[in-house]
Amino acid sequence: MERKPSRPVQILLYIGLALGLVLLLRLAFGGLTGSGERMQAKRAAETDKIDVMNLAFMQRAIELAEQNIRQGGGPFAAVIVKDGRIVAETGNTVTKSLDPTAHAEVNAIREACRRLQTFELSGCEIYSSCEPCPMCMAAIYWARLDKLYFAATRQDAAAAGFDDDFLYKEVPLACGERSLPCVNIMADEGKQPFAAWARYEEKIPY
């Protein structure tokens, strides 16, 4: 007749099995954890690399903004980047070009489109020394830029005497509530160009 192990021996066996199981689990999950930590470290390194590039392009925009003051322009500049390469960089030239729409972002978009021979800038990112005004923000959307980076805020611009923050508050208001009188007239006639556009077979959507 087979003899069963004594009670103390059984306890020792159970303890041994439990320790072995714990060791196996630690090896298995420890290896996974180590792999996960390595993946996180790799992602962090990639993020650091991207951040360094972001900072370099932003620093360029800020430097251009300061240079632009000495060249007779406003304290704003923008840089447009595609595939890690600057394709356009300009300052604000409102007073130099006698053009109230010649903000840095608009100038940069125009220059990038000219150089890339396109009317939309998907695949590009824009770095602005200051948060864009509503006009420039709309231009960035229209240009289909992938991403916007900015340094100073609209409040910083307002503190320096620019209307950016005020305009952001004006745009959402109904026509009758804005400081600029806005009157909607000949609404039906105004739809005629859109009807013509819809019928035109050679149009290029944008």
C-alpha atoms as a PDB file:
ATOM      1  CA  MET A   1       0.000   0.000   0.000  1.00  0.00           C
ATOM      2  CA  GLU A   2       1.390   3.393  -1.041  1.00  0.00           C
ATOM      3  CA  ARG A   3       2.251   5.606   1.882  1.00  0.00           C
ATOM      4  CA  LYS A   4       1.090   9.243   1.790  1.00  0.00           C
ATOM      5  CA  PRO A   5       3.528  11.991   2.780  1.00  0.00           C
ATOM      6  CA  SER A   6       3.197  13.248   6.310  1.00  0.00           C
ATOM      7  CA  ARG A   7       1.393  16.510   7.028  1.00  0.00           C
ATOM      8  CA  PRO A   8       4.582  18.613   7.405  1.00  0.00           C
ATOM      9  CA  VAL A   9       5.962  17.222   4.150  1.00  0.00           C
ATOM     10  CA  GLN A  10       2.693  18.054   2.356  1.00  0.00           C
ATOM     11  CA  ILE A  11       2.887  21.608   3.618  1.00  0.00           C
ATOM     12  CA  LEU A  12       6.467  21.922   2.384  1.00  0.00           C
ATOM     13  CA  LEU A  13       5.435  20.560  -1.020  1.00  0.00           C
ATOM     14  CA  TYR A  14       2.580  23.061  -1.264  1.00  0.00           C
ATOM     15  CA  ILE A  15       4.913  25.896  -0.292  1.00  0.00           C
ATOM     16  CA  GLY A  16       7.420  24.774  -2.925  1.00  0.00           C
ATOM     17  CA  LEU A  17       4.742  24.628  -5.597  1.00  0.00           C
ATOM     18  CA  ALA A  18       3.452  28.072  -4.613  1.00  0.00           C
ATOM     19  CA  LEU A  19       6.944  29.578  -4.708  1.00  0.00           C
ATOM     20  CA  GLY A  20       7.588  27.995  -8.089  1.00  0.00           C
ATOM     21  CA  LEU A  21       4.329  29.392  -9.436  1.00  0.00           C
ATOM     22  CA  VAL A  22       5.160  32.875  -8.125  1.00  0.00           C
ATOM     23  CA  LEU A  23       8.598  32.669  -9.727  1.00  0.00           C
ATOM     24  CA  LEU A  24       7.120  31.665 -13.080  1.00  0.00           C
ATOM     25  CA  LEU A  25       4.575  34.475 -12.907  1.00  0.00           C
ATOM     26  CA  ARG A  26       7.255  37.009 -12.043  1.00  0.00           C
ATOM     27  CA  LEU A  27       9.428  35.851 -14.928  1.00  0.00           C
ATOM     28  CA  ALA A  28       6.520  35.960 -17.365  1.00  0.00           C
ATOM     29  CA  PHE A  29       5.028  39.290 -16.327  1.00  0.00           C
ATOM     30  CA  GLY A  30       8.389  40.774 -15.471  1.00  0.00           C
ATOM     31  CA  GLY A  31       9.513  40.099 -19.006  1.00  0.00           C
ATOM     32  CA  LEU A  32       6.354  41.691 -20.344  1.00  0.00           C
ATOM     33  CA  THR A  33       6.774  44.660 -18.040  1.00  0.00           C
ATOM     34  CA  GLY A  34      10.349  45.084 -19.137  1.00  0.00           C
ATOM     35  CA  SER A  35       9.268  44.976 -22.757  1.00  0.00           C
ATOM     36  CA  GLY A  36       6.527  47.512 -22.042  1.00  0.00           C
ATOM     37  CA  GLU A  37       8.991  49.780 -20.281  1.00  0.00           C
ATOM     38  CA  ARG A  38      11.347  49.544 -23.234  1.00  0.00           C
ATOM     39  CA  MET A  39       8.512  50.473 -25.600  1.00  0.00           C
ATOM     40  CA  GLN A  40       7.590  53.436 -23.385  1.00  0.00           C
ATOM     41  CA  ALA A  41      11.209  54.559 -23.302  1.00  0.00           C
ATOM     42  CA  LYS A  42      11.367  54.332 -27.104  1.00  0.00           C
ATOM     43  CA  ARG A  43       8.176  56.380 -27.469  1.00  0.00           C
ATOM     44  CA  ALA A  44       9.492  58.942 -24.974  1.00  0.00           C
ATOM     45  CA  ALA A  45      12.730  59.249 -26.961  1.00  0.00           C
ATOM     46  CA  GLU A  46      10.737  59.780 -30.170  1.00  0.00           C
ATOM     47  CA  THR A  47       8.569  62.361 -28.388  1.00  0.00           C
ATOM     48  CA  ASP A  48      11.657  64.155 -27.110  1.00  0.00           C
ATOM     49  CA  LYS A  49      13.002  64.247 -30.657  1.00  0.00           C
ATOM     50  CA  ILE A  50       9.738  65.695 -31.965  1.00  0.00           C
ATOM     51  CA  ASP A  51       9.635  68.197 -29.126  1.00  0.00           C
ATOM     52  CA  VAL A  52      13.155  69.398 -29.912  1.00  0.00           C
ATOM     53  CA  MET A  53      12.127  70.016 -33.523  1.00  0.00           C
ATOM     54  CA  ASN A  54       8.943  71.782 -32.409  1.00  0.00           C
ATOM     55  CA  LEU A  55      10.934  74.038 -30.108  1.00  0.00           C
ATOM     56  CA  ALA A  56      13.457  74.829 -32.816  1.00  0.00           C
ATOM     57  CA  PHE A  57      10.789  75.891 -35.305  1.00  0.00           C
ATOM     58  CA  MET A  58       8.954  77.901 -32.658  1.00  0.00           C
ATOM     59  CA  GLN A  59      12.177  79.595 -31.628  1.00  0.00           C
ATOM     60  CA  ARG A  60      12.714  80.532 -35.259  1.00  0.00           C
ATOM     61  CA  ALA A  61       9.254  82.133 -35.402  1.00  0.00           C
ATOM     62  CA  ILE A  62       9.929  84.110 -32.224  1.00  0.00           C
ATOM     63  CA  GLU A  63      13.302  85.315 -33.527  1.00  0.00           C
ATOM     64  CA  LEU A  64      11.698  86.382 -36.806  1.00  0.00           C
ATOM     65  CA  ALA A  65       9.032  88.309 -34.887  1.00  0.00           C
ATOM     66  CA  GLU A  66      11.708  90.282 -33.054  1.00  0.00           C
ATOM     67  CA  GLN A  67      13.645  90.884 -36.276  1.00  0.00           C
ATOM     68  CA  ASN A  68      10.454  92.012 -37.974  1.00  0.00           C
ATOM     69  CA  ILE A  69      10.072  94.894 -35.526  1.00  0.00           C
ATOM     70  CA  ARG A  70      13.467  96.281 -36.539  1.00  0.00           C
ATOM     71  CA  GLN A  71      12.478  95.901 -40.202  1.00  0.00           C
ATOM     72  CA  GLY A  72       9.394  98.079 -39.777  1.00  0.00           C
ATOM     73  CA  GLY A  73       6.806  95.330 -39.289  1.00  0.00           C
ATOM     74  CA  GLY A  74       4.714  94.142 -36.375  1.00  0.00           C
ATOM     75  CA  PRO A  75       5.911  91.845 -33.555  1.00  0.00           C
ATOM     76  CA  PHE A  76       4.578  88.695 -35.208  1.00  0.00           C
ATOM     77  CA  ALA A  77       6.038  85.953 -37.397  1.00  0.00           C
ATOM     78  CA  ALA A  78       5.077  82.516 -38.674  1.00  0.00           C
ATOM     79  CA  VAL A  79       6.954  79.502 -39.999  1.00  0.00           C
ATOM     80  CA  ILE A  80       5.426  76.725 -42.113  1.00  0.00           C
ATOM     81  CA  VAL A  81       7.094  73.308 -42.071  1.00  0.00           C
ATOM     82  CA  LYS A  82       6.655  70.281 -44.321  1.00  0.00           C
ATOM     83  CA  ASP A  83       8.437  66.980 -43.679  1.00  0.00           C
ATOM     84  CA  GLY A  84      10.726  68.611 -41.134  1.00  0.00           C
ATOM     85  CA  ARG A  85      11.797  71.390 -43.521  1.00  0.00           C
ATOM     86  CA  ILE A  86      10.839  75.075 -43.479  1.00  0.00           C
ATOM     87  CA  VAL A  87       8.967  75.966 -46.668  1.00  0.00           C
ATOM     88  CA  ALA A  88       7.936  79.490 -45.700  1.00  0.00           C
ATOM     89  CA  GLU A  89       8.776  81.995 -42.974  1.00  0.00           C
ATOM     90  CA  THR A  90       7.487  85.552 -42.842  1.00  0.00           C
ATOM     91  CA  GLY A  91       6.676  88.386 -40.520  1.00  0.00           C
ATOM     92  CA  ASN A  92       3.699  90.695 -40.244  1.00  0.00           C
ATOM     93  CA  THR A  93       3.883  93.376 -42.972  1.00  0.00           C
ATOM     94  CA  VAL A  94       0.652  95.308 -42.418  1.00  0.00           C
ATOM     95  CA  THR A  95       2.238  98.741 -42.218  1.00  0.00           C
ATOM     96  CA  LYS A  96       5.050  98.020 -44.701  1.00  0.00           C
ATOM     97  CA  SER A  97       2.767  96.735 -47.454  1.00  0.00           C
ATOM     98  CA  LEU A  98      -0.218  98.942 -46.556  1.00  0.00           C
ATOM     99  CA  ASP A  99      -2.310  95.779 -46.310  1.00  0.00           C
ATOM    100  CA  PRO A 100      -4.393  95.125 -43.168  1.00  0.00           C
ATOM    101  CA  THR A 101      -4.601  91.426 -44.088  1.00  0.00           C
ATOM    102  CA  ALA A 102      -0.805  90.986 -44.321  1.00  0.00           C
ATOM    103  CA  HIS A 103      -0.523  89.191 -41.000  1.00  0.00           C
ATOM    104  CA  ALA A 104       2.358  86.782 -40.504  1.00  0.00           C
ATOM    105  CA  GLU A 105       0.247  83.631 -40.855  1.00  0.00           C
ATOM    106  CA  VAL A 106      -1.505  84.857 -44.010  1.00  0.00           C
ATOM    107  CA  ASN A 107       1.836  85.895 -45.535  1.00  0.00           C
ATOM    108  CA  ALA A 108       3.356  82.519 -44.663  1.00  0.00           C
ATOM    109  CA  ILE A 109       0.409  80.622 -46.145  1.00  0.00           C
ATOM    110  CA  ARG A 110       0.646  82.631 -49.370  1.00  0.00           C
ATOM    111  CA  GLU A 111       4.387  82.036 -49.609  1.00  0.00           C
ATOM    112  CA  ALA A 112       4.117  78.304 -48.859  1.00  0.00           C
ATOM    113  CA  CYS A 113       1.362  77.871 -51.456  1.00  0.00           C
ATOM    114  CA  ARG A 114       3.447  79.738 -54.019  1.00  0.00           C
ATOM    115  CA  ARG A 115       6.516  77.618 -53.363  1.00  0.00           C
ATOM    116  CA  LEU A 116       4.656  74.310 -53.246  1.00  0.00           C
ATOM    117  CA  GLN A 117       2.379  75.273 -56.148  1.00  0.00           C
ATOM    118  CA  THR A 118      -0.825  74.347 -54.336  1.00  0.00           C
ATOM    119  CA  PHE A 119      -3.860  76.048 -52.810  1.00  0.00           C
ATOM    120  CA  GLU A 120      -4.010  73.781 -49.760  1.00  0.00           C
ATOM    121  CA  LEU A 121      -1.281  72.860 -47.295  1.00  0.00           C
ATOM    122  CA  SER A 122      -2.189  69.446 -45.937  1.00  0.00           C
ATOM    123  CA  GLY A 123       0.947  67.731 -44.700  1.00  0.00           C
ATOM    124  CA  CYS A 124       2.277  71.033 -43.339  1.00  0.00           C
ATOM    125  CA  GLU A 125       2.396  72.530 -39.846  1.00  0.00           C
ATOM    126  CA  ILE A 126       2.489  76.192 -38.888  1.00  0.00           C
ATOM    127  CA  TYR A 127       4.404  77.790 -36.015  1.00  0.00           C
ATOM    128  CA  SER A 128       3.177  81.217 -34.990  1.00  0.00           C
ATOM    129  CA  SER A 129       4.964  83.474 -32.537  1.00  0.00           C
ATOM    130  CA  CYS A 130       1.533  84.398 -31.158  1.00  0.00           C
ATOM    131  CA  GLU A 131      -1.906  82.809 -31.107  1.00  0.00           C
ATOM    132  CA  PRO A 132      -3.438  83.741 -34.472  1.00  0.00           C
ATOM    133  CA  CYS A 133      -6.228  86.286 -34.724  1.00  0.00           C
ATOM    134  CA  PRO A 134      -9.619  85.053 -36.026  1.00  0.00           C
ATOM    135  CA  MET A 135      -8.729  86.031 -39.601  1.00  0.00           C
ATOM    136  CA  CYS A 136      -5.488  84.064 -39.505  1.00  0.00           C
ATOM    137  CA  MET A 137      -7.080  81.143 -37.701  1.00  0.00           C
ATOM    138  CA  ALA A 138      -9.695  80.942 -40.449  1.00  0.00           C
ATOM    139  CA  ALA A 139      -6.933  81.091 -43.069  1.00  0.00           C
ATOM    140  CA  ILE A 140      -5.153  78.215 -41.343  1.00  0.00           C
ATOM    141  CA  TYR A 141      -8.340  76.150 -41.487  1.00  0.00           C
ATOM    142  CA  TRP A 142      -8.938  77.077 -45.132  1.00  0.00           C
ATOM    143  CA  ALA A 143      -5.350  76.136 -46.001  1.00  0.00           C
ATOM    144  CA  ARG A 144      -5.916  72.684 -44.459  1.00  0.00           C
ATOM    145  CA  LEU A 145      -2.751  72.837 -42.362  1.00  0.00           C
ATOM    146  CA  ASP A 146      -2.264  69.749 -40.201  1.00  0.00           C
ATOM    147  CA  LYS A 147      -1.366  71.479 -36.955  1.00  0.00           C
ATOM    148  CA  LEU A 148      -0.856  74.871 -35.324  1.00  0.00           C
ATOM    149  CA  TYR A 149       1.757  75.669 -32.694  1.00  0.00           C
ATOM    150  CA  PHE A 150       1.833  79.108 -31.053  1.00  0.00           C
ATOM    151  CA  ALA A 151       3.802  80.793 -28.277  1.00  0.00           C
ATOM    152  CA  ALA A 152       2.251  84.009 -26.915  1.00  0.00           C
ATOM    153  CA  THR A 153      -1.515  84.126 -26.395  1.00  0.00           C
ATOM    154  CA  ARG A 154      -4.248  86.466 -27.650  1.00  0.00           C
ATOM    155  CA  GLN A 155      -4.264  88.008 -24.161  1.00  0.00           C
ATOM    156  CA  ASP A 156      -0.552  88.783 -24.509  1.00  0.00           C
ATOM    157  CA  ALA A 157      -1.292  90.458 -27.843  1.00  0.00           C
ATOM    158  CA  ALA A 158      -4.121  92.459 -26.268  1.00  0.00           C
ATOM    159  CA  ALA A 159      -1.771  93.641 -23.503  1.00  0.00           C
ATOM    160  CA  ALA A 160       0.572  94.916 -26.234  1.00  0.00           C
ATOM    161  CA  GLY A 161      -2.264  96.912 -27.844  1.00  0.00           C
ATOM    162  CA  PHE A 162      -3.527  94.504 -30.523  1.00  0.00           C
ATOM    163  CA  ASP A 163      -7.188  93.601 -31.129  1.00  0.00           C
ATOM    164  CA  ASP A 164      -6.905  89.807 -31.238  1.00  0.00           C
ATOM    165  CA  ASP A 165      -8.773  89.083 -28.011  1.00  0.00           C
ATOM    166  CA  PHE A 166     -11.454  91.664 -28.808  1.00  0.00           C
ATOM    167  CA  LEU A 167     -12.054  90.094 -32.226  1.00  0.00           C
ATOM    168  CA  TYR A 168     -12.415  86.639 -30.701  1.00  0.00           C
ATOM    169  CA  LYS A 169     -15.201  88.047 -28.536  1.00  0.00           C
ATOM    170  CA  GLU A 170     -16.869  89.817 -31.470  1.00  0.00           C
ATOM    171  CA  VAL A 171     -17.041  86.937 -33.965  1.00  0.00           C
ATOM    172  CA  PRO A 172     -19.487  84.704 -32.038  1.00  0.00           C
ATOM    173  CA  LEU A 173     -21.957  87.582 -31.546  1.00  0.00           C
ATOM    174  CA  ALA A 174     -25.095  87.933 -33.649  1.00  0.00           C
ATOM    175  CA  CYS A 175     -24.872  90.575 -36.376  1.00  0.00           C
ATOM    176  CA  GLY A 176     -26.929  93.104 -34.415  1.00  0.00           C
ATOM    177  CA  GLU A 177     -24.717  92.717 -31.334  1.00  0.00           C
ATOM    178  CA  ARG A 178     -21.326  93.373 -32.919  1.00  0.00           C
ATOM    179  CA  SER A 179     -19.595  96.741 -32.665  1.00  0.00           C
ATOM    180  CA  LEU A 180     -19.362  96.718 -36.478  1.00  0.00           C
ATOM    181  CA  PRO A 181     -22.834  97.220 -38.022  1.00  0.00           C
ATOM    182  CA  CYS A 182     -23.660  94.139 -40.101  1.00  0.00           C
ATOM    183  CA  VAL A 183     -26.751  94.306 -42.322  1.00  0.00           C
ATOM    184  CA  ASN A 184     -28.058  91.373 -44.364  1.00  0.00           C
ATOM    185  CA  ILE A 185     -29.664  92.608 -47.639  1.00  0.00           C
ATOM    186  CA  MET A 186     -30.625  90.999 -50.980  1.00  0.00           C
ATOM    187  CA  ALA A 187     -30.335  87.524 -49.479  1.00  0.00           C
ATOM    188  CA  ASP A 188     -32.182  85.781 -52.315  1.00  0.00           C
ATOM    189  CA  GLU A 189     -30.106  87.455 -55.020  1.00  0.00           C
ATOM    190  CA  GLY A 190     -26.983  86.539 -53.082  1.00  0.00           C
ATOM    191  CA  LYS A 191     -27.753  82.839 -53.611  1.00  0.00           C
ATOM    192  CA  GLN A 192     -27.467  83.154 -57.403  1.00  0.00           C
ATOM    193  CA  PRO A 193     -23.655  82.794 -57.550  1.00  0.00           C
ATOM    194  CA  PHE A 194     -23.923  79.583 -55.526  1.00  0.00           C
ATOM    195  CA  ALA A 195     -26.497  78.219 -57.945  1.00  0.00           C
ATOM    196  CA  ALA A 196     -24.147  79.056 -60.808  1.00  0.00           C
ATOM    197  CA  TRP A 197     -21.289  77.344 -58.962  1.00  0.00           C
ATOM    198  CA  ALA A 198     -23.385  74.218 -58.473  1.00  0.00           C
ATOM    199  CA  ARG A 199     -24.122  74.073 -62.214  1.00  0.00           C
ATOM    200  CA  TYR A 200     -20.540  74.726 -63.323  1.00  0.00           C
ATOM    201  CA  GLU A 201     -19.016  71.367 -64.292  1.00  0.00           C
ATOM    202  CA  GLU A 202     -15.388  72.500 -64.459  1.00  0.00           C
ATOM    203  CA  LYS A 203     -15.190  73.924 -60.936  1.00  0.00           C
ATOM    204  CA  ILE A 204     -12.315  73.005 -58.665  1.00  0.00           C
ATOM    205  CA  PRO A 205     -13.583  72.366 -55.127  1.00  0.00           C
ATOM    206  CA  TYR A 206     -11.565  73.844 -52.284  1.00  0.00           C
END
